[in-house]
Amino acid sequence: MDPATLGGIVVALASLIVMAVMEGANPMSLLLPAPMILVFGGALGAAFATTTLPDSLASLKMLPKALLYKNLKPGKDVAQLVELAEIARKDGLLALEAKAAEVKDPFLKTALQNVADGMDPDDLRTLLEDEAAANEKGGRSAAKFYASLGGYAPTVGILGTVVSLTHVLENLSEPSKLGHSIAAAFVATLWGVLSANLIWLPIGGRIGKMTDLQSERLMVLTEGVLEIQSGVQPRALNDKLTAMLPIADRPKAAAKGSAKGGAKAKAPKTAEAAA
């Protein structure tokens, strides 16, 4: 599990509590049920109204996946594809059917089964790219849903404050209660801004990043399977797929090689400039 989002939200909320304590306020005074129900319920209702019910429910189901997301290791995918390429060159494409039964990833499993069944390369590419596009579309939809929550929450909080202040103005005959009532009124605005910037927008950003990483991974798997189907040499496949990975995700030897290559390429330019 990658703790970035969950840990970041906890740190942000903890900072708010620390500030309240240092200011001499009681943090429990911020936990008022009425404004919290309005902010969270109102923002969710508005977000639901912007899309379809299936998309809304799918976005909510993606929340645990976003918070418990595990870092991908593209290097392992490359190593697995190179191993499959060696098997295909040694035993033929039909041998991939047995290996497909051992693969847990549904995308790669489907790809290997279709290769073993002799699907046309162009048809296989279309199938895999369509599957990757559908996966990306779902992620983008969920990210947009949480971004919309971040947009609606502050406005709903202001509405809650206006409603509370209206109630305060109705009770001006009791001056001793005005201070507490006004303070409570602004809790709705607090929760609107807080939930937007410390909860919904970070989660939306997390899902967007998760979708980008997954799309990059599926692209590597697609190219790897198609190259295996074409009979590429395992070493050439390793070089091609490694070049598709970000520098930070490449095996150490490959990353060092890229860095040295870059340094050598820049050296002549420096000499020319000096000349």
Protein backbone atom coordinates (compact mmCIF):
# COMPACT_ATOMS: atom_id res chain seq x y z
CA MET A 1 0.00 0.00 0.00
CA ASP A 2 1.26 3.48 -0.89
CA PRO A 3 0.50 5.74 2.12
CA ALA A 4 0.86 9.08 0.35
CA THR A 5 -2.81 10.13 0.12
CA LEU A 6 -4.08 8.59 3.35
CA GLY A 7 -1.03 9.79 5.27
CA GLY A 8 -1.25 13.25 3.70
CA ILE A 9 -4.92 13.64 4.68
CA VAL A 10 -4.13 12.53 8.24
CA VAL A 11 -1.24 15.02 8.50
CA ALA A 12 -3.42 17.84 7.14
CA LEU A 13 -6.26 17.14 9.59
CA ALA A 14 -3.80 16.75 12.45
CA SER A 15 -2.33 20.16 11.60
CA LEU A 16 -5.79 21.68 11.88
CA ILE A 17 -6.33 20.10 15.30
CA VAL A 18 -2.91 21.28 16.52
CA MET A 19 -3.67 24.82 15.36
CA ALA A 20 -7.01 24.79 17.18
CA VAL A 21 -5.36 23.60 20.39
CA MET A 22 -2.58 26.21 20.13
CA GLU A 23 -5.22 28.91 19.66
CA GLY A 24 -6.91 27.72 22.84
CA ALA A 25 -10.00 26.35 21.07
CA ASN A 26 -11.63 23.03 21.78
CA PRO A 27 -11.27 20.80 18.66
CA MET A 28 -14.55 19.09 19.57
CA SER A 29 -16.33 22.38 18.96
CA LEU A 30 -15.65 21.85 15.24
CA LEU A 31 -17.46 18.51 15.18
CA LEU A 32 -21.01 19.80 14.95
CA PRO A 33 -23.35 17.21 13.37
CA ALA A 34 -25.73 19.63 11.63
CA PRO A 35 -23.21 21.52 9.42
CA MET A 36 -21.25 18.32 8.72
CA ILE A 37 -24.40 16.53 7.52
CA LEU A 38 -25.27 19.48 5.29
CA VAL A 39 -21.78 19.80 3.78
CA PHE A 40 -21.13 16.11 3.12
CA GLY A 41 -24.71 15.26 2.19
CA GLY A 42 -25.24 18.37 0.06
CA ALA A 43 -21.94 17.97 -1.82
CA LEU A 44 -22.61 14.28 -2.47
CA GLY A 45 -26.12 15.04 -3.68
CA ALA A 46 -24.88 17.73 -6.07
CA ALA A 47 -22.12 15.45 -7.38
CA PHE A 48 -24.62 12.63 -7.92
CA ALA A 49 -26.81 15.03 -9.88
CA THR A 50 -24.00 15.79 -12.35
CA THR A 51 -23.63 12.22 -13.59
CA THR A 52 -25.44 8.88 -13.78
CA LEU A 53 -26.15 6.63 -10.81
CA PRO A 54 -23.95 3.75 -12.10
CA ASP A 55 -21.00 6.13 -12.60
CA SER A 56 -21.52 7.64 -9.14
CA LEU A 57 -21.59 4.23 -7.46
CA ALA A 58 -18.55 3.11 -9.46
CA SER A 59 -16.68 6.22 -8.27
CA LEU A 60 -17.54 5.51 -4.63
CA LYS A 61 -16.38 1.90 -5.04
CA MET A 62 -13.04 3.19 -6.32
CA LEU A 63 -12.37 5.09 -3.09
CA PRO A 64 -10.90 2.10 -1.15
CA LYS A 65 -8.75 1.21 -4.19
CA ALA A 66 -7.39 4.75 -4.29
CA LEU A 67 -6.54 4.87 -0.58
CA LEU A 68 -5.09 1.34 -0.49
CA TYR A 69 -3.37 1.60 -3.87
CA LYS A 70 -0.20 -0.43 -4.15
CA ASN A 71 2.76 0.93 -6.07
CA LEU A 72 3.24 -0.77 -9.41
CA LYS A 73 6.62 -2.24 -10.31
CA PRO A 74 6.94 -2.00 -14.10
CA GLY A 75 10.31 -3.75 -13.96
CA LYS A 76 8.56 -6.94 -12.86
CA ASP A 77 6.16 -6.73 -15.80
CA VAL A 78 9.07 -6.38 -18.20
CA ALA A 79 10.85 -9.37 -16.64
CA GLN A 80 7.67 -11.45 -16.90
CA LEU A 81 7.17 -10.51 -20.56
CA VAL A 82 10.79 -11.36 -21.38
CA GLU A 83 10.32 -14.75 -19.72
CA LEU A 84 7.18 -15.34 -21.81
CA ALA A 85 9.09 -14.36 -24.96
CA GLU A 86 11.73 -16.98 -24.18
CA ILE A 87 9.02 -19.62 -23.73
CA ALA A 88 7.32 -18.61 -26.99
CA ARG A 89 10.56 -18.82 -28.98
CA LYS A 90 11.48 -22.14 -27.45
CA ASP A 91 8.12 -23.96 -27.33
CA GLY A 92 5.91 -21.93 -29.68
CA LEU A 93 2.97 -19.59 -29.10
CA LEU A 94 0.69 -22.45 -28.03
CA ALA A 95 2.84 -22.86 -24.91
CA LEU A 96 1.55 -19.47 -23.75
CA GLU A 97 -1.88 -20.95 -23.12
CA ALA A 98 -0.53 -22.96 -20.20
CA LYS A 99 1.31 -19.90 -18.87
CA ALA A 100 -1.87 -17.82 -19.16
CA ALA A 101 -3.53 -20.08 -16.58
CA GLU A 102 -0.81 -19.07 -14.08
CA VAL A 103 -1.11 -15.33 -14.72
CA LYS A 104 -3.22 -13.42 -12.18
CA ASP A 105 -3.52 -10.16 -14.08
CA PRO A 106 -6.77 -10.36 -16.14
CA PHE A 107 -5.47 -8.05 -18.88
CA LEU A 108 -2.32 -10.07 -19.50
CA LYS A 109 -4.21 -13.36 -19.14
CA THR A 110 -6.68 -12.37 -21.87
CA ALA A 111 -3.87 -11.18 -24.13
CA LEU A 112 -1.90 -14.43 -23.80
CA GLN A 113 -4.97 -16.58 -24.38
CA ASN A 114 -5.74 -14.71 -27.60
CA VAL A 115 -2.15 -15.03 -28.77
CA ALA A 116 -2.28 -18.78 -28.15
CA ASP A 117 -5.61 -18.94 -30.05
CA GLY A 118 -3.97 -17.34 -33.08
CA MET A 119 -5.81 -14.01 -33.13
CA ASP A 120 -4.73 -11.60 -35.85
CA PRO A 121 -2.15 -9.06 -34.51
CA ASP A 122 -4.19 -6.04 -35.65
CA ASP A 123 -7.34 -7.42 -34.05
CA LEU A 124 -5.43 -8.19 -30.86
CA ARG A 125 -4.01 -4.66 -30.71
CA THR A 126 -7.51 -3.21 -31.15
CA LEU A 127 -8.87 -5.46 -28.42
CA LEU A 128 -6.14 -4.58 -25.92
CA GLU A 129 -6.24 -0.86 -26.68
CA ASP A 130 -10.02 -0.82 -26.28
CA GLU A 131 -9.71 -2.58 -22.93
CA ALA A 132 -7.06 -0.10 -21.79
CA ALA A 133 -9.22 2.83 -22.97
CA ALA A 134 -12.24 1.51 -21.03
CA ASN A 135 -10.10 1.20 -17.89
CA GLU A 136 -8.81 4.74 -18.32
CA LYS A 137 -12.31 6.09 -18.94
CA GLY A 138 -13.52 4.64 -15.65
CA GLY A 139 -10.61 6.19 -13.77
CA ARG A 140 -11.11 9.60 -15.37
CA SER A 141 -14.82 9.50 -14.54
CA ALA A 142 -14.09 8.74 -10.87
CA ALA A 143 -11.43 11.47 -10.67
CA LYS A 144 -13.91 13.96 -12.13
CA PHE A 145 -16.56 12.88 -9.61
CA TYR A 146 -14.31 13.66 -6.64
CA ALA A 147 -13.12 16.89 -8.23
CA SER A 148 -16.79 17.93 -8.51
CA LEU A 149 -17.22 17.14 -4.81
CA GLY A 150 -14.30 19.47 -4.13
CA GLY A 151 -16.03 22.16 -6.14
CA TYR A 152 -19.45 21.87 -4.52
CA ALA A 153 -18.40 21.43 -0.87
CA PRO A 154 -17.27 25.06 -0.19
CA THR A 155 -20.44 26.49 -1.75
CA VAL A 156 -22.65 24.14 0.26
CA GLY A 157 -20.70 25.19 3.37
CA ILE A 158 -21.45 28.85 2.65
CA LEU A 159 -25.13 27.98 2.25
CA GLY A 160 -25.03 26.31 5.67
CA THR A 161 -23.48 29.43 7.18
CA VAL A 162 -26.14 31.66 5.62
CA VAL A 163 -28.91 29.43 6.99
CA SER A 164 -27.33 29.46 10.47
CA LEU A 165 -26.82 33.24 10.44
CA THR A 166 -30.46 33.68 9.45
CA HIS A 167 -31.39 31.73 12.55
CA VAL A 168 -29.01 33.92 14.61
CA LEU A 169 -30.74 37.09 13.38
CA GLU A 170 -34.05 35.65 14.50
CA ASN A 171 -32.75 35.47 18.07
CA LEU A 172 -31.15 38.88 18.57
CA SER A 173 -33.23 39.24 21.73
CA GLU A 174 -30.78 36.87 23.48
CA PRO A 175 -27.37 38.62 23.24
CA SER A 176 -25.69 36.13 25.56
CA LYS A 177 -26.12 33.36 22.97
CA LEU A 178 -25.05 35.35 19.89
CA GLY A 179 -21.33 34.60 20.15
CA HIS A 180 -21.79 30.84 20.32
CA SER A 181 -24.42 30.85 17.58
CA ILE A 182 -22.28 32.90 15.18
CA ALA A 183 -19.25 30.69 15.81
CA ALA A 184 -21.33 27.59 15.14
CA ALA A 185 -22.64 29.15 11.93
CA PHE A 186 -19.14 29.43 10.46
CA VAL A 187 -18.40 25.75 11.14
CA ALA A 188 -20.34 24.90 7.97
CA THR A 189 -18.01 27.08 5.88
CA LEU A 190 -15.03 25.53 7.64
CA TRP A 191 -16.13 22.00 6.80
CA GLY A 192 -16.95 22.98 3.22
CA VAL A 193 -13.48 24.37 2.56
CA LEU A 194 -11.77 21.70 4.65
CA SER A 195 -13.47 18.72 3.00
CA ALA A 196 -12.83 20.13 -0.46
CA ASN A 197 -9.13 20.84 -0.05
CA LEU A 198 -8.09 18.17 2.43
CA ILE A 199 -10.28 15.25 1.33
CA TRP A 200 -12.08 15.39 -2.04
CA LEU A 201 -9.54 17.15 -4.25
CA PRO A 202 -6.60 15.03 -2.98
CA ILE A 203 -8.60 11.85 -3.58
CA GLY A 204 -9.53 13.01 -7.08
CA GLY A 205 -5.88 13.76 -7.79
CA ARG A 206 -4.88 10.37 -6.42
CA ILE A 207 -7.32 8.53 -8.70
CA GLY A 208 -6.09 10.56 -11.68
CA LYS A 209 -2.47 9.62 -10.93
CA MET A 210 -3.46 5.99 -10.35
CA THR A 211 -5.20 5.99 -13.73
CA ASP A 212 -2.11 7.42 -15.46
CA LEU A 213 0.14 4.75 -13.96
CA GLN A 214 -2.28 1.98 -14.89
CA SER A 215 -2.58 3.27 -18.46
CA GLU A 216 1.21 3.34 -18.82
CA ARG A 217 1.41 -0.21 -17.50
CA LEU A 218 -1.24 -1.51 -19.90
CA MET A 219 0.59 0.15 -22.78
CA VAL A 220 3.77 -1.72 -21.86
CA LEU A 221 1.86 -5.00 -21.57
CA THR A 222 0.17 -4.42 -24.93
CA GLU A 223 3.43 -3.74 -26.74
CA GLY A 224 5.13 -6.64 -24.99
CA VAL A 225 2.46 -9.19 -25.94
CA LEU A 226 2.34 -8.00 -29.55
CA GLU A 227 6.13 -8.25 -29.82
CA ILE A 228 6.01 -11.77 -28.37
CA GLN A 229 3.40 -12.69 -30.96
CA SER A 230 5.68 -11.37 -33.73
CA GLY A 231 8.54 -13.60 -32.51
CA VAL A 232 10.87 -10.90 -31.18
CA GLN A 233 14.10 -11.93 -29.48
CA PRO A 234 13.84 -11.73 -25.65
CA ARG A 235 16.85 -9.40 -25.37
CA ALA A 236 15.45 -7.00 -27.97
CA LEU A 237 12.09 -7.10 -26.17
CA ASN A 238 13.76 -6.27 -22.86
CA ASP A 239 15.54 -3.27 -24.40
CA LYS A 240 12.37 -1.97 -26.06
CA LEU A 241 10.14 -2.29 -23.01
CA THR A 242 12.78 -0.89 -20.66
CA ALA A 243 13.01 2.19 -22.89
CA MET A 244 9.27 2.72 -22.37
CA LEU A 245 9.64 2.91 -18.58
CA PRO A 246 10.31 6.10 -16.61
CA ILE A 247 13.98 6.39 -15.60
CA ALA A 248 13.12 5.88 -11.91
CA ASP A 249 11.34 2.58 -12.64
CA ARG A 250 14.04 1.03 -14.79
CA PRO A 251 16.39 -1.64 -13.46
CA LYS A 252 19.48 -0.04 -11.95
CA ALA A 253 21.83 -1.28 -14.66
CA ALA A 254 19.62 0.09 -17.43
CA ALA A 255 19.15 3.41 -15.65
CA LYS A 256 22.91 3.82 -15.19
CA GLY A 257 23.42 2.98 -18.84
CA SER A 258 20.99 5.69 -19.89
CA ALA A 259 22.69 8.24 -17.65
CA LYS A 260 26.14 7.40 -19.04
CA GLY A 261 24.82 7.52 -22.58
CA GLY A 262 23.38 10.94 -21.93
CA ALA A 263 26.65 12.18 -20.46
CA LYS A 264 28.62 10.90 -23.47
CA ALA A 265 26.18 12.48 -25.86
CA LYS A 266 26.61 15.87 -24.20
CA ALA A 267 30.41 15.76 -24.10
CA PRO A 268 31.03 16.63 -27.80
CA LYS A 269 28.69 19.61 -27.55
CA THR A 270 30.68 20.93 -24.60
CA ALA A 271 33.94 20.53 -26.50
CA GLU A 272 32.46 22.28 -29.53
CA ALA A 273 31.26 25.15 -27.39
CA ALA A 274 34.70 25.47 -25.81
CA ALA A 275 36.31 25.48 -29.28
